[in-house]
Amino acid sequence: HIITNHCLPGWYMKREGQTYVQTWHGTPLKRIGHDLKDVPYRCGLGHRRSPMSQ
């Protein structure tokens, strides 16, 4: 299991059967990733390209 509250490095690949839990600093009430609007910073991994989304 991998549990984190931040983006993982781009080189990291999730193993088959491994669970990845993204807590995003512990709150479900803020906008993150692709939910951000008109903000210059976005997480470096695009959801469709991310090995975590597979």
PDB file of N, CA and C in Angstrom:
ATOM      1  N   HIS A   1       0.846  -1.180   0.000  1.00  0.00           N
ATOM      2  CA  HIS A   1       0.000   0.000   0.000  1.00  0.00           C
ATOM      3  C   HIS A   1       0.890   1.241   0.000  1.00  0.00           C
ATOM      4  N   ILE A   2       0.482   2.228  -0.769  1.00  0.00           N
ATOM      5  CA  ILE A   2       1.154   3.524  -0.781  1.00  0.00           C
ATOM      6  C   ILE A   2       0.118   4.558  -0.355  1.00  0.00           C
ATOM      7  N   ILE A   3       0.425   5.306   0.704  1.00  0.00           N
ATOM      8  CA  ILE A   3      -0.463   6.364   1.186  1.00  0.00           C
ATOM      9  C   ILE A   3       0.361   7.641   1.222  1.00  0.00           C
ATOM     10  N   THR A   4      -0.144   8.684   0.561  1.00  0.00           N
ATOM     11  CA  THR A   4       0.600   9.941   0.501  1.00  0.00           C
ATOM     12  C   THR A   4      -0.366  11.125   0.469  1.00  0.00           C
ATOM     13  N   ASN A   5       0.134  12.301   0.809  1.00  0.00           N
ATOM     14  CA  ASN A   5      -0.692  13.507   0.732  1.00  0.00           C
ATOM     15  C   ASN A   5      -0.108  14.501  -0.270  1.00  0.00           C
ATOM     16  N   HIS A   6       0.705  13.984  -1.188  1.00  0.00           N
ATOM     17  CA  HIS A   6       1.331  14.842  -2.195  1.00  0.00           C
ATOM     18  C   HIS A   6       1.543  14.025  -3.459  1.00  0.00           C
ATOM     19  N   CYS A   7       1.956  14.670  -4.527  1.00  0.00           N
ATOM     20  CA  CYS A   7       2.231  13.957  -5.781  1.00  0.00           C
ATOM     21  C   CYS A   7       3.444  13.052  -5.617  1.00  0.00           C
ATOM     22  N   LEU A   8       3.397  11.898  -6.232  1.00  0.00           N
ATOM     23  CA  LEU A   8       4.558  11.013  -6.261  1.00  0.00           C
ATOM     24  C   LEU A   8       5.441  11.407  -7.437  1.00  0.00           C
ATOM     25  N   PRO A   9       6.733  11.090  -7.377  1.00  0.00           N
ATOM     26  CA  PRO A   9       7.622  11.424  -8.490  1.00  0.00           C
ATOM     27  C   PRO A   9       7.167  10.766  -9.787  1.00  0.00           C
ATOM     28  N   GLY A  10       7.448  11.409 -10.908  1.00  0.00           N
ATOM     29  CA  GLY A  10       7.027  10.891 -12.200  1.00  0.00           C
ATOM     30  C   GLY A  10       7.601   9.536 -12.543  1.00  0.00           C
ATOM     31  N   TRP A  11       8.726   9.173 -11.942  1.00  0.00           N
ATOM     32  CA  TRP A  11       9.357   7.883 -12.236  1.00  0.00           C
ATOM     33  C   TRP A  11       8.706   6.728 -11.490  1.00  0.00           C
ATOM     34  N   TYR A  12       7.877   7.034 -10.475  1.00  0.00           N
ATOM     35  CA  TYR A  12       7.290   5.962  -9.665  1.00  0.00           C
ATOM     36  C   TYR A  12       6.206   5.227 -10.447  1.00  0.00           C
ATOM     37  N   MET A  13       6.257   3.909 -10.434  1.00  0.00           N
ATOM     38  CA  MET A  13       5.242   3.084 -11.099  1.00  0.00           C
ATOM     39  C   MET A  13       4.576   2.183 -10.066  1.00  0.00           C
ATOM     40  N   LYS A  14       3.262   2.224 -10.027  1.00  0.00           N
ATOM     41  CA  LYS A  14       2.507   1.367  -9.115  1.00  0.00           C
ATOM     42  C   LYS A  14       2.618  -0.081  -9.573  1.00  0.00           C
ATOM     43  N   ARG A  15       2.871  -0.981  -8.633  1.00  0.00           N
ATOM     44  CA  ARG A  15       2.946  -2.404  -8.967  1.00  0.00           C
ATOM     45  C   ARG A  15       1.548  -2.991  -9.108  1.00  0.00           C
ATOM     46  N   GLU A  16       1.414  -4.045  -9.881  1.00  0.00           N
ATOM     47  CA  GLU A  16       0.134  -4.720 -10.056  1.00  0.00           C
ATOM     48  C   GLU A  16      -0.361  -5.198  -8.692  1.00  0.00           C
ATOM     49  N   GLY A  17      -1.623  -4.912  -8.398  1.00  0.00           N
ATOM     50  CA  GLY A  17      -2.220  -5.314  -7.129  1.00  0.00           C
ATOM     51  C   GLY A  17      -1.952  -4.352  -5.983  1.00  0.00           C
ATOM     52  N   GLN A  18      -1.132  -3.339  -6.201  1.00  0.00           N
ATOM     53  CA  GLN A  18      -0.799  -2.373  -5.161  1.00  0.00           C
ATOM     54  C   GLN A  18      -1.902  -1.323  -5.061  1.00  0.00           C
ATOM     55  N   THR A  19      -2.191  -0.886  -3.855  1.00  0.00           N
ATOM     56  CA  THR A  19      -3.212   0.134  -3.620  1.00  0.00           C
ATOM     57  C   THR A  19      -2.531   1.475  -3.373  1.00  0.00           C
ATOM     58  N   TYR A  20      -3.028   2.517  -4.041  1.00  0.00           N
ATOM     59  CA  TYR A  20      -2.491   3.869  -3.910  1.00  0.00           C
ATOM     60  C   TYR A  20      -3.594   4.753  -3.348  1.00  0.00           C
ATOM     61  N   VAL A  21      -3.351   5.359  -2.173  1.00  0.00           N
ATOM     62  CA  VAL A  21      -4.331   6.231  -1.529  1.00  0.00           C
ATOM     63  C   VAL A  21      -3.746   7.633  -1.483  1.00  0.00           C
ATOM     64  N   GLN A  22      -4.437   8.591  -2.100  1.00  0.00           N
ATOM     65  CA  GLN A  22      -4.017   9.987  -2.138  1.00  0.00           C
ATOM     66  C   GLN A  22      -4.920  10.764  -1.193  1.00  0.00           C
ATOM     67  N   THR A  23      -4.376  11.265  -0.076  1.00  0.00           N
ATOM     68  CA  THR A  23      -5.184  11.971   0.922  1.00  0.00           C
ATOM     69  C   THR A  23      -5.283  13.467   0.663  1.00  0.00           C
ATOM     70  N   TRP A  24      -4.449  14.009  -0.183  1.00  0.00           N
ATOM     71  CA  TRP A  24      -4.439  15.446  -0.502  1.00  0.00           C
ATOM     72  C   TRP A  24      -4.576  16.308   0.744  1.00  0.00           C
ATOM     73  N   HIS A  25      -3.684  16.109   1.669  1.00  0.00           N
ATOM     74  CA  HIS A  25      -3.607  16.898   2.894  1.00  0.00           C
ATOM     75  C   HIS A  25      -4.848  16.746   3.758  1.00  0.00           C
ATOM     76  N   GLY A  26      -5.603  15.683   3.543  1.00  0.00           N
ATOM     77  CA  GLY A  26      -6.665  15.299   4.455  1.00  0.00           C
ATOM     78  C   GLY A  26      -8.019  15.953   4.299  1.00  0.00           C
ATOM     79  N   THR A  27      -8.267  16.726   3.260  1.00  0.00           N
ATOM     80  CA  THR A  27      -9.589  17.332   3.140  1.00  0.00           C
ATOM     81  C   THR A  27     -10.209  17.066   1.776  1.00  0.00           C
ATOM     82  N   PRO A  28     -11.469  16.632   1.761  1.00  0.00           N
ATOM     83  CA  PRO A  28     -12.158  16.427   0.488  1.00  0.00           C
ATOM     84  C   PRO A  28     -12.839  17.702  -0.017  1.00  0.00           C
ATOM     85  N   LEU A  29     -12.666  18.815   0.688  1.00  0.00           N
ATOM     86  CA  LEU A  29     -13.421  20.024   0.384  1.00  0.00           C
ATOM     87  C   LEU A  29     -12.677  21.043  -0.468  1.00  0.00           C
ATOM     88  N   LYS A  30     -11.434  20.783  -0.834  1.00  0.00           N
ATOM     89  CA  LYS A  30     -10.716  21.757  -1.647  1.00  0.00           C
ATOM     90  C   LYS A  30     -10.537  21.243  -3.069  1.00  0.00           C
ATOM     91  N   ARG A  31     -10.283  22.135  -3.985  1.00  0.00           N
ATOM     92  CA  ARG A  31     -10.066  21.760  -5.385  1.00  0.00           C
ATOM     93  C   ARG A  31      -8.606  21.384  -5.573  1.00  0.00           C
ATOM     94  N   ILE A  32      -8.393  20.297  -6.320  1.00  0.00           N
ATOM     95  CA  ILE A  32      -7.039  19.832  -6.588  1.00  0.00           C
ATOM     96  C   ILE A  32      -6.959  19.299  -8.004  1.00  0.00           C
ATOM     97  N   GLY A  33      -5.734  19.165  -8.506  1.00  0.00           N
ATOM     98  CA  GLY A  33      -5.520  18.544  -9.813  1.00  0.00           C
ATOM     99  C   GLY A  33      -6.325  19.186 -10.917  1.00  0.00           C
ATOM    100  N   HIS A  34      -7.102  18.398 -11.639  1.00  0.00           N
ATOM    101  CA  HIS A  34      -7.885  18.898 -12.770  1.00  0.00           C
ATOM    102  C   HIS A  34      -9.102  19.716 -12.336  1.00  0.00           C
ATOM    103  N   ASP A  35      -9.412  19.755 -11.033  1.00  0.00           N
ATOM    104  CA  ASP A  35     -10.514  20.589 -10.550  1.00  0.00           C
ATOM    105  C   ASP A  35     -10.105  22.051 -10.417  1.00  0.00           C
ATOM    106  N   LEU A  36      -8.797  22.338 -10.416  1.00  0.00           N
ATOM    107  CA  LEU A  36      -8.326  23.713 -10.302  1.00  0.00           C
ATOM    108  C   LEU A  36      -8.707  24.497 -11.554  1.00  0.00           C
ATOM    109  N   LYS A  37      -9.127  25.733 -11.358  1.00  0.00           N
ATOM    110  CA  LYS A  37      -9.498  26.584 -12.485  1.00  0.00           C
ATOM    111  C   LYS A  37      -8.621  27.834 -12.477  1.00  0.00           C
ATOM    112  N   ASP A  38      -8.048  28.156 -13.628  1.00  0.00           N
ATOM    113  CA  ASP A  38      -7.256  29.373 -13.794  1.00  0.00           C
ATOM    114  C   ASP A  38      -6.148  29.522 -12.749  1.00  0.00           C
ATOM    115  N   VAL A  39      -5.478  28.438 -12.455  1.00  0.00           N
ATOM    116  CA  VAL A  39      -4.379  28.457 -11.499  1.00  0.00           C
ATOM    117  C   VAL A  39      -3.125  27.983 -12.236  1.00  0.00           C
ATOM    118  N   PRO A  40      -2.008  28.715 -12.116  1.00  0.00           N
ATOM    119  CA  PRO A  40      -0.813  28.319 -12.864  1.00  0.00           C
ATOM    120  C   PRO A  40      -0.218  26.985 -12.417  1.00  0.00           C
ATOM    121  N   TYR A  41      -0.427  26.593 -11.161  1.00  0.00           N
ATOM    122  CA  TYR A  41       0.140  25.331 -10.677  1.00  0.00           C
ATOM    123  C   TYR A  41      -0.888  24.211 -10.758  1.00  0.00           C
ATOM    124  N   ARG A  42      -0.490  23.122 -11.348  1.00  0.00           N
ATOM    125  CA  ARG A  42      -1.277  21.890 -11.329  1.00  0.00           C
ATOM    126  C   ARG A  42      -0.288  20.765 -11.047  1.00  0.00           C
ATOM    127  N   CYS A  43      -0.751  19.709 -10.471  1.00  0.00           N
ATOM    128  CA  CYS A  43       0.115  18.561 -10.205  1.00  0.00           C
ATOM    129  C   CYS A  43       0.752  18.111 -11.515  1.00  0.00           C
ATOM    130  N   GLY A  44       2.008  17.749 -11.495  1.00  0.00           N
ATOM    131  CA  GLY A  44       2.743  17.374 -12.699  1.00  0.00           C
ATOM    132  C   GLY A  44       2.200  16.162 -13.432  1.00  0.00           C
ATOM    133  N   LEU A  45       1.493  15.280 -12.771  1.00  0.00           N
ATOM    134  CA  LEU A  45       0.970  14.088 -13.433  1.00  0.00           C
ATOM    135  C   LEU A  45      -0.454  14.331 -13.912  1.00  0.00           C
ATOM    136  N   GLY A  46      -0.682  14.171 -15.198  1.00  0.00           N
ATOM    137  CA  GLY A  46      -2.039  14.245 -15.720  1.00  0.00           C
ATOM    138  C   GLY A  46      -2.776  12.968 -15.369  1.00  0.00           C
ATOM    139  N   HIS A  47      -4.049  13.065 -15.033  1.00  0.00           N
ATOM    140  CA  HIS A  47      -4.800  11.889 -14.582  1.00  0.00           C
ATOM    141  C   HIS A  47      -4.746  10.752 -15.586  1.00  0.00           C
ATOM    142  N   ARG A  48      -4.949  11.036 -16.857  1.00  0.00           N
ATOM    143  CA  ARG A  48      -4.955   9.967 -17.856  1.00  0.00           C
ATOM    144  C   ARG A  48      -3.579   9.358 -18.072  1.00  0.00           C
ATOM    145  N   ARG A  49      -2.527  10.139 -17.848  1.00  0.00           N
ATOM    146  CA  ARG A  49      -1.164   9.645 -18.038  1.00  0.00           C
ATOM    147  C   ARG A  49      -0.618   8.982 -16.786  1.00  0.00           C
ATOM    148  N   SER A  50      -1.245   9.212 -15.661  1.00  0.00           N
ATOM    149  CA  SER A  50      -0.722   8.734 -14.394  1.00  0.00           C
ATOM    150  C   SER A  50      -0.784   7.217 -14.264  1.00  0.00           C
ATOM    151  N   PRO A  51       0.326   6.595 -13.864  1.00  0.00           N
ATOM    152  CA  PRO A  51       0.292   5.147 -13.643  1.00  0.00           C
ATOM    153  C   PRO A  51      -0.601   4.773 -12.468  1.00  0.00           C
ATOM    154  N   MET A  52      -0.960   5.745 -11.607  1.00  0.00           N
ATOM    155  CA  MET A  52      -1.829   5.460 -10.468  1.00  0.00           C
ATOM    156  C   MET A  52      -3.278   5.267 -10.900  1.00  0.00           C
ATOM    157  N   SER A  53      -3.643   5.817 -12.058  1.00  0.00           N
ATOM    158  CA  SER A  53      -5.034   5.743 -12.500  1.00  0.00           C
ATOM    159  C   SER A  53      -5.326   4.466 -13.272  1.00  0.00           C
ATOM    160  N   GLN A  54      -4.357   3.615 -13.397  1.00  0.00           N
ATOM    161  CA  GLN A  54      -4.546   2.378 -14.159  1.00  0.00           C
ATOM    162  C   GLN A  54      -4.775   1.195 -13.263  1.00  0.00           C
TER     163      GLN A  54
END
